[in-house]
C-alpha atoms as a PDB file:
ATOM      1  CA  MET A   1      35.159 -11.817  -9.747  1.00  0.00           C
ATOM      2  CA  PHE A   2      35.638 -10.580  -6.161  1.00  0.00           C
ATOM      3  CA  ASP A   3      37.585 -13.743  -5.222  1.00  0.00           C
ATOM      4  CA  PHE A   4      40.013 -13.035  -8.047  1.00  0.00           C
ATOM      5  CA  LEU A   5      40.440  -9.423  -7.036  1.00  0.00           C
ATOM      6  CA  LYS A   6      40.791 -10.437  -3.453  1.00  0.00           C
ATOM      7  CA  ASN A   7      43.633 -12.796  -4.221  1.00  0.00           C
ATOM      8  CA  PHE A   8      45.332 -10.268  -6.453  1.00  0.00           C
ATOM      9  CA  TYR A   9      45.088  -7.334  -4.072  1.00  0.00           C
ATOM     10  CA  MET A  10      45.857  -9.362  -0.900  1.00  0.00           C
ATOM     11  CA  SER A  11      49.245 -10.245  -2.572  1.00  0.00           C
ATOM     12  CA  LYS A  12      50.051  -6.500  -2.607  1.00  0.00           C
ATOM     13  CA  ARG A  13      51.367  -4.502   0.245  1.00  0.00           C
ATOM     14  CA  HIS A  14      48.464  -2.169   0.889  1.00  0.00           C
ATOM     15  CA  VAL A  15      44.805  -1.840  -0.282  1.00  0.00           C
ATOM     16  CA  SER A  16      43.965   1.860  -0.734  1.00  0.00           C
ATOM     17  CA  LEU A  17      40.878   3.924  -1.332  1.00  0.00           C
ATOM     18  CA  LYS A  18      42.039   4.148  -4.942  1.00  0.00           C
ATOM     19  CA  THR A  19      41.994   0.301  -5.120  1.00  0.00           C
ATOM     20  CA  LEU A  20      38.409   0.153  -3.987  1.00  0.00           C
ATOM     21  CA  ALA A  21      37.372   3.021  -6.263  1.00  0.00           C
ATOM     22  CA  GLN A  22      38.902   1.478  -9.359  1.00  0.00           C
ATOM     23  CA  THR A  23      37.473  -1.976  -8.632  1.00  0.00           C
ATOM     24  CA  LEU A  24      33.937  -0.597  -8.356  1.00  0.00           C
ATOM     25  CA  ASN A  25      34.424   2.049 -11.027  1.00  0.00           C
ATOM     26  CA  VAL A  26      33.430   4.900  -8.709  1.00  0.00           C
ATOM     27  CA  SER A  27      35.232   7.958  -7.435  1.00  0.00           C
ATOM     28  CA  MET A  28      37.469   7.878  -4.439  1.00  0.00           C
ATOM     29  CA  SER A  29      35.189  10.467  -2.657  1.00  0.00           C
ATOM     30  CA  THR A  30      32.294   8.104  -3.106  1.00  0.00           C
ATOM     31  CA  VAL A  31      34.200   5.278  -1.549  1.00  0.00           C
ATOM     32  CA  SER A  32      35.250   7.503   1.363  1.00  0.00           C
ATOM     33  CA  ARG A  33      31.728   8.575   2.015  1.00  0.00           C
ATOM     34  CA  ALA A  34      30.312   5.135   1.676  1.00  0.00           C
ATOM     35  CA  LEU A  35      32.727   3.847   4.314  1.00  0.00           C
ATOM     36  CA  ARG A  36      31.438   6.473   6.618  1.00  0.00           C
ATOM     37  CA  ASN A  37      27.778   5.710   5.863  1.00  0.00           C
ATOM     38  CA  HIS A  38      27.283   9.173   4.413  1.00  0.00           C
ATOM     39  CA  PRO A  39      23.586   9.807   3.531  1.00  0.00           C
ATOM     40  CA  ASP A  40      24.509  11.224   0.071  1.00  0.00           C
ATOM     41  CA  ILE A  41      25.540   7.716  -1.060  1.00  0.00           C
ATOM     42  CA  GLY A  42      22.825   5.216  -1.937  1.00  0.00           C
ATOM     43  CA  PRO A  43      22.407   2.078   0.184  1.00  0.00           C
ATOM     44  CA  GLU A  44      23.388  -0.258  -2.652  1.00  0.00           C
ATOM     45  CA  VAL A  45      26.651   1.520  -3.395  1.00  0.00           C
ATOM     46  CA  THR A  46      27.409   1.758   0.334  1.00  0.00           C
ATOM     47  CA  ARG A  47      26.815  -1.995   0.678  1.00  0.00           C
ATOM     48  CA  LYS A  48      29.130  -2.806  -2.231  1.00  0.00           C
ATOM     49  CA  VAL A  49      31.899  -0.549  -1.027  1.00  0.00           C
ATOM     50  CA  GLN A  50      31.848  -1.876   2.567  1.00  0.00           C
ATOM     51  CA  GLU A  51      31.603  -5.498   1.421  1.00  0.00           C
ATOM     52  CA  LEU A  52      34.661  -5.076  -0.835  1.00  0.00           C
ATOM     53  CA  ALA A  53      36.558  -3.240   1.918  1.00  0.00           C
ATOM     54  CA  ARG A  54      35.900  -6.235   4.238  1.00  0.00           C
ATOM     55  CA  GLU A  55      36.886  -8.726   1.489  1.00  0.00           C
ATOM     56  CA  LEU A  56      40.224  -6.998   0.718  1.00  0.00           C
ATOM     57  CA  GLN A  57      40.834  -6.259   4.462  1.00  0.00           C
ATOM     58  CA  TYR A  58      41.074  -2.532   3.733  1.00  0.00           C
ATOM     59  CA  THR A  59      42.334  -0.402   6.583  1.00  0.00           C
ATOM     60  CA  PRO A  60      42.569   3.464   6.453  1.00  0.00           C
ATOM     61  CA  ASN A  61      45.943   5.019   5.877  1.00  0.00           C
ATOM     62  CA  PRO A  62      46.317   7.759   8.497  1.00  0.00           C
ATOM     63  CA  LEU A  63      49.054   9.529   6.570  1.00  0.00           C
ATOM     64  CA  ALA A  64      46.912   9.686   3.404  1.00  0.00           C
ATOM     65  CA  ILE A  65      43.949  10.910   5.402  1.00  0.00           C
ATOM     66  CA  GLY A  66      46.179  13.507   6.985  1.00  0.00           C
ATOM     67  CA  LEU A  67      47.150  14.834   3.530  1.00  0.00           C
ATOM     68  CA  LEU A  68      43.500  15.207   2.643  1.00  0.00           C
ATOM     69  CA  LYS A  69      42.507  16.865   5.924  1.00  0.00           C
ATOM     70  CA  ASP A  70      45.848  18.804   6.422  1.00  0.00           C
ATOM     71  CA  ARG A  71      46.310  16.878   9.663  1.00  0.00           C
ATOM     72  CA  SER A  72      47.869  13.496  10.439  1.00  0.00           C
ATOM     73  CA  SER A  73      46.253  12.569  13.733  1.00  0.00           C
ATOM     74  CA  THR A  74      49.743  11.850  14.996  1.00  0.00           C
ATOM     75  CA  ILE A  75      51.788  13.273  17.859  1.00  0.00           C
ATOM     76  CA  GLY A  76      55.548  13.305  17.626  1.00  0.00           C
ATOM     77  CA  VAL A  77      57.295  12.256  20.825  1.00  0.00           C
ATOM     78  CA  ILE A  78      61.039  12.807  21.487  1.00  0.00           C
ATOM     79  CA  VAL A  79      62.693  11.264  24.498  1.00  0.00           C
ATOM     80  CA  PRO A  80      66.362  11.125  25.546  1.00  0.00           C
ATOM     81  CA  ASP A  81      66.356   7.360  25.854  1.00  0.00           C
ATOM     82  CA  LEU A  82      64.139   4.387  25.425  1.00  0.00           C
ATOM     83  CA  VAL A  83      65.674   2.054  28.021  1.00  0.00           C
ATOM     84  CA  THR A  84      64.660   3.405  31.428  1.00  0.00           C
ATOM     85  CA  TYR A  85      61.256   2.842  33.057  1.00  0.00           C
ATOM     86  CA  PHE A  86      60.993   6.656  33.605  1.00  0.00           C
ATOM     87  CA  PHE A  87      60.646   7.453  29.866  1.00  0.00           C
ATOM     88  CA  SER A  88      58.709   4.396  28.836  1.00  0.00           C
ATOM     89  CA  SER A  89      56.139   5.110  31.526  1.00  0.00           C
ATOM     90  CA  ILE A  90      55.786   8.728  30.307  1.00  0.00           C
ATOM     91  CA  ILE A  91      55.395   7.412  26.706  1.00  0.00           C
ATOM     92  CA  SER A  92      52.592   5.056  27.909  1.00  0.00           C
ATOM     93  CA  GLY A  93      50.848   7.980  29.491  1.00  0.00           C
ATOM     94  CA  ILE A  94      51.062  10.118  26.312  1.00  0.00           C
ATOM     95  CA  GLU A  95      49.879   7.244  24.180  1.00  0.00           C
ATOM     96  CA  SER A  96      46.907   6.397  26.368  1.00  0.00           C
ATOM     97  CA  MET A  97      45.634   9.997  26.277  1.00  0.00           C
ATOM     98  CA  ALA A  98      46.385  10.365  22.575  1.00  0.00           C
ATOM     99  CA  ASN A  99      44.472   7.129  21.695  1.00  0.00           C
ATOM    100  CA  GLU A 100      41.452   8.277  23.732  1.00  0.00           C
ATOM    101  CA  HIS A 101      41.248  11.300  21.442  1.00  0.00           C
ATOM    102  CA  GLY A 102      41.885   9.633  18.179  1.00  0.00           C
ATOM    103  CA  TYR A 103      45.618  10.250  17.837  1.00  0.00           C
ATOM    104  CA  HIS A 104      48.636   7.991  17.320  1.00  0.00           C
ATOM    105  CA  ILE A 105      52.180   8.683  18.421  1.00  0.00           C
ATOM    106  CA  VAL A 106      55.496   8.539  16.559  1.00  0.00           C
ATOM    107  CA  ILE A 107      58.510   8.160  18.934  1.00  0.00           C
ATOM    108  CA  ARG A 108      62.015   9.348  18.250  1.00  0.00           C
ATOM    109  CA  CYS A 109      64.987   9.102  20.595  1.00  0.00           C
ATOM    110  CA  SER A 110      67.664  11.852  20.864  1.00  0.00           C
ATOM    111  CA  TYR A 111      70.066   9.669  22.848  1.00  0.00           C
ATOM    112  CA  GLU A 112      70.886  12.719  24.992  1.00  0.00           C
ATOM    113  CA  SER A 113      72.489  14.313  21.829  1.00  0.00           C
ATOM    114  CA  TYR A 114      71.777  17.967  20.904  1.00  0.00           C
ATOM    115  CA  GLU A 115      72.408  17.195  17.221  1.00  0.00           C
ATOM    116  CA  LYS A 116      70.205  14.131  17.271  1.00  0.00           C
ATOM    117  CA  GLU A 117      67.463  16.121  18.947  1.00  0.00           C
ATOM    118  CA  LYS A 118      67.510  18.650  16.058  1.00  0.00           C
ATOM    119  CA  GLU A 119      67.347  15.776  13.590  1.00  0.00           C
ATOM    120  CA  CYS A 120      64.451  14.207  15.373  1.00  0.00           C
ATOM    121  CA  LEU A 121      62.595  17.508  15.388  1.00  0.00           C
ATOM    122  CA  GLN A 122      63.002  18.042  11.703  1.00  0.00           C
ATOM    123  CA  ASP A 123      62.036  14.461  10.803  1.00  0.00           C
ATOM    124  CA  LEU A 124      58.811  14.771  12.765  1.00  0.00           C
ATOM    125  CA  LEU A 125      58.022  18.098  11.126  1.00  0.00           C
ATOM    126  CA  ARG A 126      58.575  16.503   7.714  1.00  0.00           C
ATOM    127  CA  LEU A 127      56.110  13.714   8.675  1.00  0.00           C
ATOM    128  CA  ARG A 128      53.559  16.503   9.278  1.00  0.00           C
ATOM    129  CA  VAL A 129      52.754  15.465  12.847  1.00  0.00           C
ATOM    130  CA  ASP A 130      50.030  17.591  14.438  1.00  0.00           C
ATOM    131  CA  GLY A 131      52.281  18.500  17.406  1.00  0.00           C
ATOM    132  CA  ILE A 132      55.367  17.479  19.334  1.00  0.00           C
ATOM    133  CA  VAL A 133      55.748  16.410  22.994  1.00  0.00           C
ATOM    134  CA  MET A 134      59.292  16.101  24.193  1.00  0.00           C
ATOM    135  CA  CYS A 135      62.015  16.096  26.858  1.00  0.00           C
ATOM    136  CA  LEU A 136      65.273  17.929  26.261  1.00  0.00           C
ATOM    137  CA  ALA A 137      68.488  16.029  25.724  1.00  0.00           C
ATOM    138  CA  GLN A 138      71.059  16.754  28.420  1.00  0.00           C
ATOM    139  CA  GLU A 139      73.445  18.242  25.762  1.00  0.00           C
ATOM    140  CA  THR A 140      70.905  20.881  24.710  1.00  0.00           C
ATOM    141  CA  GLN A 141      71.892  24.427  25.734  1.00  0.00           C
ATOM    142  CA  ASP A 142      70.904  26.296  22.538  1.00  0.00           C
ATOM    143  CA  TYR A 143      67.143  26.413  21.946  1.00  0.00           C
ATOM    144  CA  ALA A 144      67.056  28.058  18.619  1.00  0.00           C
ATOM    145  CA  HIS A 145      65.906  24.902  16.757  1.00  0.00           C
ATOM    146  CA  PHE A 146      62.498  25.364  18.386  1.00  0.00           C
ATOM    147  CA  ASP A 147      61.929  28.659  16.575  1.00  0.00           C
ATOM    148  CA  THR A 148      60.665  26.855  13.482  1.00  0.00           C
ATOM    149  CA  VAL A 149      58.129  24.999  15.454  1.00  0.00           C
ATOM    150  CA  LEU A 150      56.859  27.994  17.273  1.00  0.00           C
ATOM    151  CA  LYS A 151      56.697  30.180  14.094  1.00  0.00           C
ATOM    152  CA  SER A 152      54.677  27.440  12.413  1.00  0.00           C
ATOM    153  CA  GLU A 153      52.299  27.388  15.337  1.00  0.00           C
ATOM    154  CA  THR A 154      52.746  23.599  15.615  1.00  0.00           C
ATOM    155  CA  PRO A 155      51.708  22.688  19.236  1.00  0.00           C
ATOM    156  CA  LEU A 156      54.780  21.978  21.323  1.00  0.00           C
ATOM    157  CA  VAL A 157      54.911  20.640  24.882  1.00  0.00           C
ATOM    158  CA  PHE A 158      57.995  19.990  27.044  1.00  0.00           C
ATOM    159  CA  PHE A 159      58.048  17.603  29.980  1.00  0.00           C
ATOM    160  CA  ASP A 160      60.517  17.086  32.823  1.00  0.00           C
ATOM    161  CA  ARG A 161      63.515  18.791  31.288  1.00  0.00           C
ATOM    162  CA  VAL A 162      62.064  21.998  29.815  1.00  0.00           C
ATOM    163  CA  CYS A 163      62.998  25.488  28.401  1.00  0.00           C
ATOM    164  CA  ARG A 164      61.382  28.683  27.274  1.00  0.00           C
ATOM    165  CA  PRO A 165      58.359  28.284  29.617  1.00  0.00           C
ATOM    166  CA  ASP A 166      57.069  31.746  28.634  1.00  0.00           C
ATOM    167  CA  GLU A 167      56.564  30.480  25.060  1.00  0.00           C
ATOM    168  CA  VAL A 168      56.031  26.652  25.411  1.00  0.00           C
ATOM    169  CA  ALA A 169      53.616  24.568  27.569  1.00  0.00           C
ATOM    170  CA  THR A 170      55.453  22.438  30.104  1.00  0.00           C
ATOM    171  CA  VAL A 171      54.879  19.550  32.549  1.00  0.00           C
ATOM    172  CA  VAL A 172      57.205  19.229  35.504  1.00  0.00           C
ATOM    173  CA  VAL A 173      57.169  17.976  39.057  1.00  0.00           C
ATOM    174  CA  ASP A 174      57.832  19.857  42.275  1.00  0.00           C
ATOM    175  CA  ASN A 175      61.604  19.344  41.996  1.00  0.00           C
ATOM    176  CA  GLN A 176      62.564  22.029  44.505  1.00  0.00           C
ATOM    177  CA  GLU A 177      60.044  20.912  47.120  1.00  0.00           C
ATOM    178  CA  ALA A 178      60.991  17.220  46.644  1.00  0.00           C
ATOM    179  CA  ALA A 179      64.686  17.944  47.117  1.00  0.00           C
ATOM    180  CA  ARG A 180      63.896  19.957  50.234  1.00  0.00           C
ATOM    181  CA  ARG A 181      61.964  16.953  51.615  1.00  0.00           C
ATOM    182  CA  ILE A 182      64.777  14.629  50.966  1.00  0.00           C
ATOM    183  CA  THR A 183      67.341  16.874  52.784  1.00  0.00           C
ATOM    184  CA  ARG A 184      64.994  17.257  55.789  1.00  0.00           C
ATOM    185  CA  HIS A 185      64.342  13.487  55.784  1.00  0.00           C
ATOM    186  CA  PHE A 186      68.133  12.895  56.035  1.00  0.00           C
ATOM    187  CA  PHE A 187      68.421  15.420  58.885  1.00  0.00           C
ATOM    188  CA  GLU A 188      65.551  13.900  60.796  1.00  0.00           C
ATOM    189  CA  SER A 189      67.091  10.433  60.325  1.00  0.00           C
ATOM    190  CA  GLY A 190      70.280  11.668  62.052  1.00  0.00           C
ATOM    191  CA  TYR A 191      72.540  12.551  59.075  1.00  0.00           C
ATOM    192  CA  ARG A 192      74.531  15.846  59.087  1.00  0.00           C
ATOM    193  CA  ARG A 193      76.960  15.766  56.196  1.00  0.00           C
ATOM    194  CA  ILE A 194      74.467  15.537  53.349  1.00  0.00           C
ATOM    195  CA  ALA A 195      75.851  15.505  49.777  1.00  0.00           C
ATOM    196  CA  HIS A 196      74.078  15.942  46.520  1.00  0.00           C
ATOM    197  CA  ILE A 197      75.170  14.362  43.197  1.00  0.00           C
ATOM    198  CA  ALA A 198      73.495  16.775  40.689  1.00  0.00           C
ATOM    199  CA  GLY A 199      72.973  16.519  36.978  1.00  0.00           C
ATOM    200  CA  PRO A 200      74.309  18.763  34.196  1.00  0.00           C
ATOM    201  CA  ALA A 201      74.164  22.383  35.255  1.00  0.00           C
ATOM    202  CA  GLN A 202      72.056  23.560  32.196  1.00  0.00           C
ATOM    203  CA  LEU A 203      69.160  21.395  33.036  1.00  0.00           C
ATOM    204  CA  ASN A 204      66.179  22.932  34.935  1.00  0.00           C
ATOM    205  CA  ILE A 205      65.793  19.689  37.022  1.00  0.00           C
ATOM    206  CA  THR A 206      69.355  20.159  38.198  1.00  0.00           C
ATOM    207  CA  ARG A 207      68.880  23.849  39.175  1.00  0.00           C
ATOM    208  CA  GLU A 208      65.611  23.126  40.866  1.00  0.00           C
ATOM    209  CA  ARG A 209      66.790  20.227  42.942  1.00  0.00           C
ATOM    210  CA  ILE A 210      69.967  22.046  43.968  1.00  0.00           C
ATOM    211  CA  GLU A 211      67.907  24.906  45.145  1.00  0.00           C
ATOM    212  CA  GLY A 212      65.640  22.570  47.180  1.00  0.00           C
ATOM    213  CA  TYR A 213      68.747  20.883  48.594  1.00  0.00           C
ATOM    214  CA  LYS A 214      70.082  24.226  49.754  1.00  0.00           C
ATOM    215  CA  GLN A 215      66.717  25.271  51.102  1.00  0.00           C
ATOM    216  CA  GLY A 216      66.516  21.999  53.170  1.00  0.00           C
ATOM    217  CA  LEU A 217      70.012  22.593  54.538  1.00  0.00           C
ATOM    218  CA  ALA A 218      69.080  26.089  55.677  1.00  0.00           C
ATOM    219  CA  GLU A 219      65.915  24.898  57.346  1.00  0.00           C
ATOM    220  CA  CYS A 220      67.902  22.336  59.255  1.00  0.00           C
ATOM    221  CA  ASN A 221      70.617  24.958  60.203  1.00  0.00           C
ATOM    222  CA  LEU A 222      73.217  22.985  58.302  1.00  0.00           C
ATOM    223  CA  PRO A 223      75.877  24.896  56.299  1.00  0.00           C
ATOM    224  CA  PHE A 224      76.130  24.539  52.565  1.00  0.00           C
ATOM    225  CA  ASP A 225      79.535  23.021  51.754  1.00  0.00           C
ATOM    226  CA  THR A 226      80.538  23.324  48.161  1.00  0.00           C
ATOM    227  CA  ASP A 227      82.596  20.150  48.404  1.00  0.00           C
ATOM    228  CA  LEU A 228      79.400  18.226  49.092  1.00  0.00           C
ATOM    229  CA  LEU A 229      77.729  19.284  45.736  1.00  0.00           C
ATOM    230  CA  VAL A 230      79.143  17.511  42.684  1.00  0.00           C
ATOM    231  CA  HIS A 231      77.803  17.150  39.191  1.00  0.00           C
ATOM    232  CA  CYS A 232      77.514  14.185  36.742  1.00  0.00           C
ATOM    233  CA  ASP A 233      76.325  13.654  33.261  1.00  0.00           C
ATOM    234  CA  LEU A 234      73.649  11.172  34.344  1.00  0.00           C
ATOM    235  CA  SER A 235      75.648   8.154  33.208  1.00  0.00           C
ATOM    236  CA  ILE A 236      76.735   5.323  35.584  1.00  0.00           C
ATOM    237  CA  ALA A 237      80.412   5.980  34.999  1.00  0.00           C
ATOM    238  CA  SER A 238      80.065   9.689  35.764  1.00  0.00           C
ATOM    239  CA  ALA A 239      77.965   9.039  38.833  1.00  0.00           C
ATOM    240  CA  THR A 240      80.454   6.485  40.089  1.00  0.00           C
ATOM    241  CA  ALA A 241      83.299   9.005  39.710  1.00  0.00           C
ATOM    242  CA  ALA A 242      81.243  11.655  41.569  1.00  0.00           C
ATOM    243  CA  THR A 243      80.717   9.223  44.390  1.00  0.00           C
ATOM    244  CA  GLN A 244      84.383   8.488  44.534  1.00  0.00           C
ATOM    245  CA  ARG A 245      85.227  12.176  44.854  1.00  0.00           C
ATOM    246  CA  LEU A 246      82.724  12.562  47.736  1.00  0.00           C
ATOM    247  CA  LEU A 247      84.098   9.521  49.571  1.00  0.00           C
ATOM    248  CA  ALA A 248      87.735  10.682  49.134  1.00  0.00           C
ATOM    249  CA  LEU A 249      87.053  13.943  50.988  1.00  0.00           C
ATOM    250  CA  SER A 250      88.915  14.498  54.224  1.00  0.00           C
ATOM    251  CA  SER A 251      85.443  14.831  55.831  1.00  0.00           C
ATOM    252  CA  PRO A 252      83.219  12.658  53.633  1.00  0.00           C
ATOM    253  CA  PRO A 253      79.421  12.736  53.676  1.00  0.00           C
ATOM    254  CA  ASP A 254      77.215  10.567  55.784  1.00  0.00           C
ATOM    255  CA  ALA A 255      74.368  10.869  53.316  1.00  0.00           C
ATOM    256  CA  ILE A 256      74.083  11.184  49.510  1.00  0.00           C
ATOM    257  CA  PHE A 257      71.087  12.368  47.467  1.00  0.00           C
ATOM    258  CA  GLY A 258      71.247  11.400  43.777  1.00  0.00           C
ATOM    259  CA  VAL A 259      69.658  13.440  41.046  1.00  0.00           C
ATOM    260  CA  ASN A 260      67.935  10.231  39.813  1.00  0.00           C
ATOM    261  CA  ASP A 261      67.779   6.563  40.652  1.00  0.00           C
ATOM    262  CA  THR A 262      70.555   5.633  38.131  1.00  0.00           C
ATOM    263  CA  THR A 263      72.863   7.993  40.005  1.00  0.00           C
ATOM    264  CA  ALA A 264      71.828   6.517  43.320  1.00  0.00           C
ATOM    265  CA  PHE A 265      72.357   2.906  42.078  1.00  0.00           C
ATOM    266  CA  ALA A 266      75.865   3.821  40.900  1.00  0.00           C
ATOM    267  CA  ALA A 267      76.564   5.414  44.219  1.00  0.00           C
ATOM    268  CA  MET A 268      75.275   2.368  46.094  1.00  0.00           C
ATOM    269  CA  LYS A 269      77.640   0.067  44.123  1.00  0.00           C
ATOM    270  CA  GLU A 270      80.626   2.258  44.820  1.00  0.00           C
ATOM    271  CA  ILE A 271      79.821   2.633  48.559  1.00  0.00           C
ATOM    272  CA  LYS A 272      79.607  -1.158  48.812  1.00  0.00           C
ATOM    273  CA  ARG A 273      82.843  -1.528  46.913  1.00  0.00           C
ATOM    274  CA  GLN A 274      84.547   0.607  49.475  1.00  0.00           C
ATOM    275  CA  HIS A 275      83.044  -1.675  52.215  1.00  0.00           C
ATOM    276  CA  LEU A 276      80.832   0.987  53.719  1.00  0.00           C
ATOM    277  CA  ARG A 277      77.364   0.117  55.049  1.00  0.00           C
ATOM    278  CA  ILE A 278      74.077   1.546  53.837  1.00  0.00           C
ATOM    279  CA  PRO A 279      72.353   3.210  55.802  1.00  0.00           C
ATOM    280  CA  GLN A 280      74.660   2.815  58.895  1.00  0.00           C
ATOM    281  CA  ASP A 281      77.689   4.595  57.378  1.00  0.00           C
ATOM    282  CA  ILE A 282      75.985   6.439  54.521  1.00  0.00           C
ATOM    283  CA  GLY A 283      72.388   7.132  53.889  1.00  0.00           C
ATOM    284  CA  LEU A 284      71.222   7.145  50.239  1.00  0.00           C
ATOM    285  CA  VAL A 285      68.272   8.557  48.424  1.00  0.00           C
ATOM    286  CA  GLY A 286      67.369   8.529  44.671  1.00  0.00           C
ATOM    287  CA  PHE A 287      64.848  10.336  42.547  1.00  0.00           C
ATOM    288  CA  THR A 288      62.132   8.930  40.207  1.00  0.00           C
ATOM    289  CA  ASP A 289      61.522   5.627  42.035  1.00  0.00           C
ATOM    290  CA  GLU A 290      62.429   3.118  39.372  1.00  0.00           C
ATOM    291  CA  PHE A 291      61.218  -0.475  39.820  1.00  0.00           C
ATOM    292  CA  HIS A 292      64.705  -1.568  40.733  1.00  0.00           C
ATOM    293  CA  ALA A 293      64.537   0.659  43.896  1.00  0.00           C
ATOM    294  CA  THR A 294      62.470  -2.155  45.437  1.00  0.00           C
ATOM    295  CA  VAL A 295      64.740  -5.056  44.563  1.00  0.00           C
ATOM    296  CA  VAL A 296      68.261  -3.670  45.320  1.00  0.00           C
ATOM    297  CA  GLU A 297      69.880  -4.399  48.692  1.00  0.00           C
ATOM    298  CA  PRO A 298      69.118  -2.374  50.767  1.00  0.00           C
ATOM    299  CA  THR A 299      65.902  -1.125  49.097  1.00  0.00           C
ATOM    300  CA  LEU A 300      66.375   2.403  47.937  1.00  0.00           C
ATOM    301  CA  THR A 301      64.490   5.386  49.376  1.00  0.00           C
ATOM    302  CA  SER A 302      63.377   7.533  46.417  1.00  0.00           C
ATOM    303  CA  VAL A 303      60.982  10.155  45.241  1.00  0.00           C
ATOM    304  CA  MET A 304      58.034   8.706  43.467  1.00  0.00           C
ATOM    305  CA  HIS A 305      57.734  10.520  40.183  1.00  0.00           C
ATOM    306  CA  PRO A 306      54.222  10.496  38.651  1.00  0.00           C
ATOM    307  CA  THR A 307      55.537   9.452  35.220  1.00  0.00           C
ATOM    308  CA  TYR A 308      52.368   8.009  33.670  1.00  0.00           C
ATOM    309  CA  GLU A 309      50.367  11.058  34.818  1.00  0.00           C
ATOM    310  CA  MET A 310      53.075  13.339  33.491  1.00  0.00           C
ATOM    311  CA  GLY A 311      52.667  11.741  30.073  1.00  0.00           C
ATOM    312  CA  ARG A 312      48.931  12.102  30.170  1.00  0.00           C
ATOM    313  CA  GLU A 313      49.105  15.647  31.225  1.00  0.00           C
ATOM    314  CA  ALA A 314      51.549  16.484  28.468  1.00  0.00           C
ATOM    315  CA  ALA A 315      49.131  14.972  25.922  1.00  0.00           C
ATOM    316  CA  LEU A 316      46.295  17.073  27.452  1.00  0.00           C
ATOM    317  CA  LEU A 317      48.320  20.230  27.061  1.00  0.00           C
ATOM    318  CA  PHE A 318      48.906  19.295  23.344  1.00  0.00           C
ATOM    319  CA  LEU A 319      45.122  18.763  22.913  1.00  0.00           C
ATOM    320  CA  ALA A 320      44.313  22.110  24.532  1.00  0.00           C
ATOM    321  CA  GLN A 321      46.389  23.818  21.871  1.00  0.00           C
ATOM    322  CA  VAL A 322      44.847  21.866  19.028  1.00  0.00           C
ATOM    323  CA  ASP A 323      41.285  22.644  20.294  1.00  0.00           C
ATOM    324  CA  ALA A 324      42.068  26.380  20.897  1.00  0.00           C
ATOM    325  CA  LYS A 325      40.685  28.651  18.127  1.00  0.00           C
ATOM    326  CA  VAL A 326      43.276  31.368  18.918  1.00  0.00           C
ATOM    327  CA  ALA A 327      46.752  31.349  20.467  1.00  0.00           C
ATOM    328  CA  ILE A 328      46.607  30.592  24.146  1.00  0.00           C
ATOM    329  CA  THR A 329      49.024  31.351  26.932  1.00  0.00           C
ATOM    330  CA  PRO A 330      51.342  28.398  27.494  1.00  0.00           C
ATOM    331  CA  SER A 331      50.287  26.273  30.475  1.00  0.00           C
ATOM    332  CA  GLN A 332      52.775  25.364  33.158  1.00  0.00           C
ATOM    333  CA  SER A 333      51.677  22.201  34.940  1.00  0.00           C
ATOM    334  CA  VAL A 334      53.466  21.133  38.129  1.00  0.00           C
ATOM    335  CA  LEU A 335      52.740  17.645  39.430  1.00  0.00           C
ATOM    336  CA  THR A 336      53.289  16.507  43.051  1.00  0.00           C
ATOM    337  CA  THR A 337      55.860  13.866  44.062  1.00  0.00           C
ATOM    338  CA  GLN A 338      56.007  11.572  47.092  1.00  0.00           C
ATOM    339  CA  LEU A 339      59.049  10.539  49.130  1.00  0.00           C
ATOM    340  CA  VAL A 340      58.974   6.792  49.615  1.00  0.00           C
ATOM    341  CA  VAL A 341      61.161   5.881  52.593  1.00  0.00           C
ATOM    342  CA  ARG A 342      62.842   2.526  52.400  1.00  0.00           C
ATOM    343  CA  GLU A 343      65.997   0.897  53.991  1.00  0.00           C
ATOM    344  CA  SER A 344      68.666   2.914  52.410  1.00  0.00           C
ATOM    345  CA  SER A 345      68.035   6.076  54.423  1.00  0.00           C
ATOM    346  CA  SER A 346      66.532   5.027  57.700  1.00  0.00           C
ATOM    347  CA  MET A 347      68.290   3.781  60.834  1.00  0.00           C
ATOM    348  CA  ILE A 348      64.876   2.401  61.977  1.00  0.00           C
ATOM    349  CA  PRO A 349      63.806  -0.788  60.131  1.00  0.00           C
ATOM    350  CA  VAL A 350      61.323   0.046  57.429  1.00  0.00           C
ATOM    351  CA  GLU A 351      58.473  -2.476  57.125  1.00  0.00           C
END
C-alpha cells in the first residue's frame, strides 16, 4: 500500500501535512506532533507518521508553518544591486546569521530605483516576512513608504545607506573617519591637489565622506576647493564624466578619492586614456576594497569595508527586535574600516 502511495505522491509537486494525515486517517495536528516526537502521541502512531514522511520525502513548508504560527521564519532583504561583491558579501553575512537562528532570507533588488524599492517592500510585507533588512536605493529621497512598516511594528534594519536613524536600527561604517584617513594619506604621500568624486548628495554615505574629506584637508592645512568636489550617480559613465571634468581643470588634481571602488576604477581607466601615470601624475584611492582592487594595474589603494560583518550585525539587530518583549530604542551600529595602501597612491613601492 505504501509503495503505491509513494509512487502516487512522489509524482506530485509537494507532499504536505494534509497528505500524511489523509493517508494515515489521522488529524493534521497529530501528524505535526508526531513529527516532533510530542509525548501526547503514542509511539506506534509516531513511528507510522515518521516512516511515511521518510517514504514520501516530506519536507516542512515554512510558509504554511508561518501561517499557523503567525510568523514565517523569513527575513526580507532589499539591496540596490546583485552584481557587486559589496552587496553579495553583505547578503552572505545576513544569511549566515539568519540560518544560525532558524531563519531563511528572501532577496529582492531595487536596481537603485525608488519605485522599485517601494514595490519590493510591499511584496515582502505581503509574503509576511518577519522583518526587513535593507539598503536604500540611490534614487530614494522620500521615506514615507517606511511608515507602514514602522506602524505595523515589523522589525526594520537599514545598512550602509540609511535614513530615519531615530526610528530605525542602522548598521554603517566610520565613513567620516575613513575619508579623513584617505585625505591625510594623500597628503603624507606628497599630494596637494586632492579631489573627491562623491556620490548622490541625498545619501548619508556621500555626506559623511565629504565631511571627512573636508576634515582631512583642514588638518593638513589644505584649502577646500569647490572645483575639486564633484558628484556622480555611482555608475561607470557618470564617474568617467566626473573624472573628465576634474582633469580638464586649469589646475587639475594630483590625487582623486572615489566614493567607491567602481568610481575609482572608472577614474583609473580615464586617467590612463589621457596618458597620465598612476601614482606618479595622479594618486588614486577607492572605497569598499572590491576583489578587483588587487588585480588592476596598478593595484588600487582602498578602504576595506567589513561587508560580511555588516551583514551579520544587521541580522543581529533584527533578532534583537524580534526577541524584545517591548519596543526598544533603535540601535546604531558603527563598524570600523581599514585603509589598505597599495600601488595607486604611494610613490614608495608597496610590497
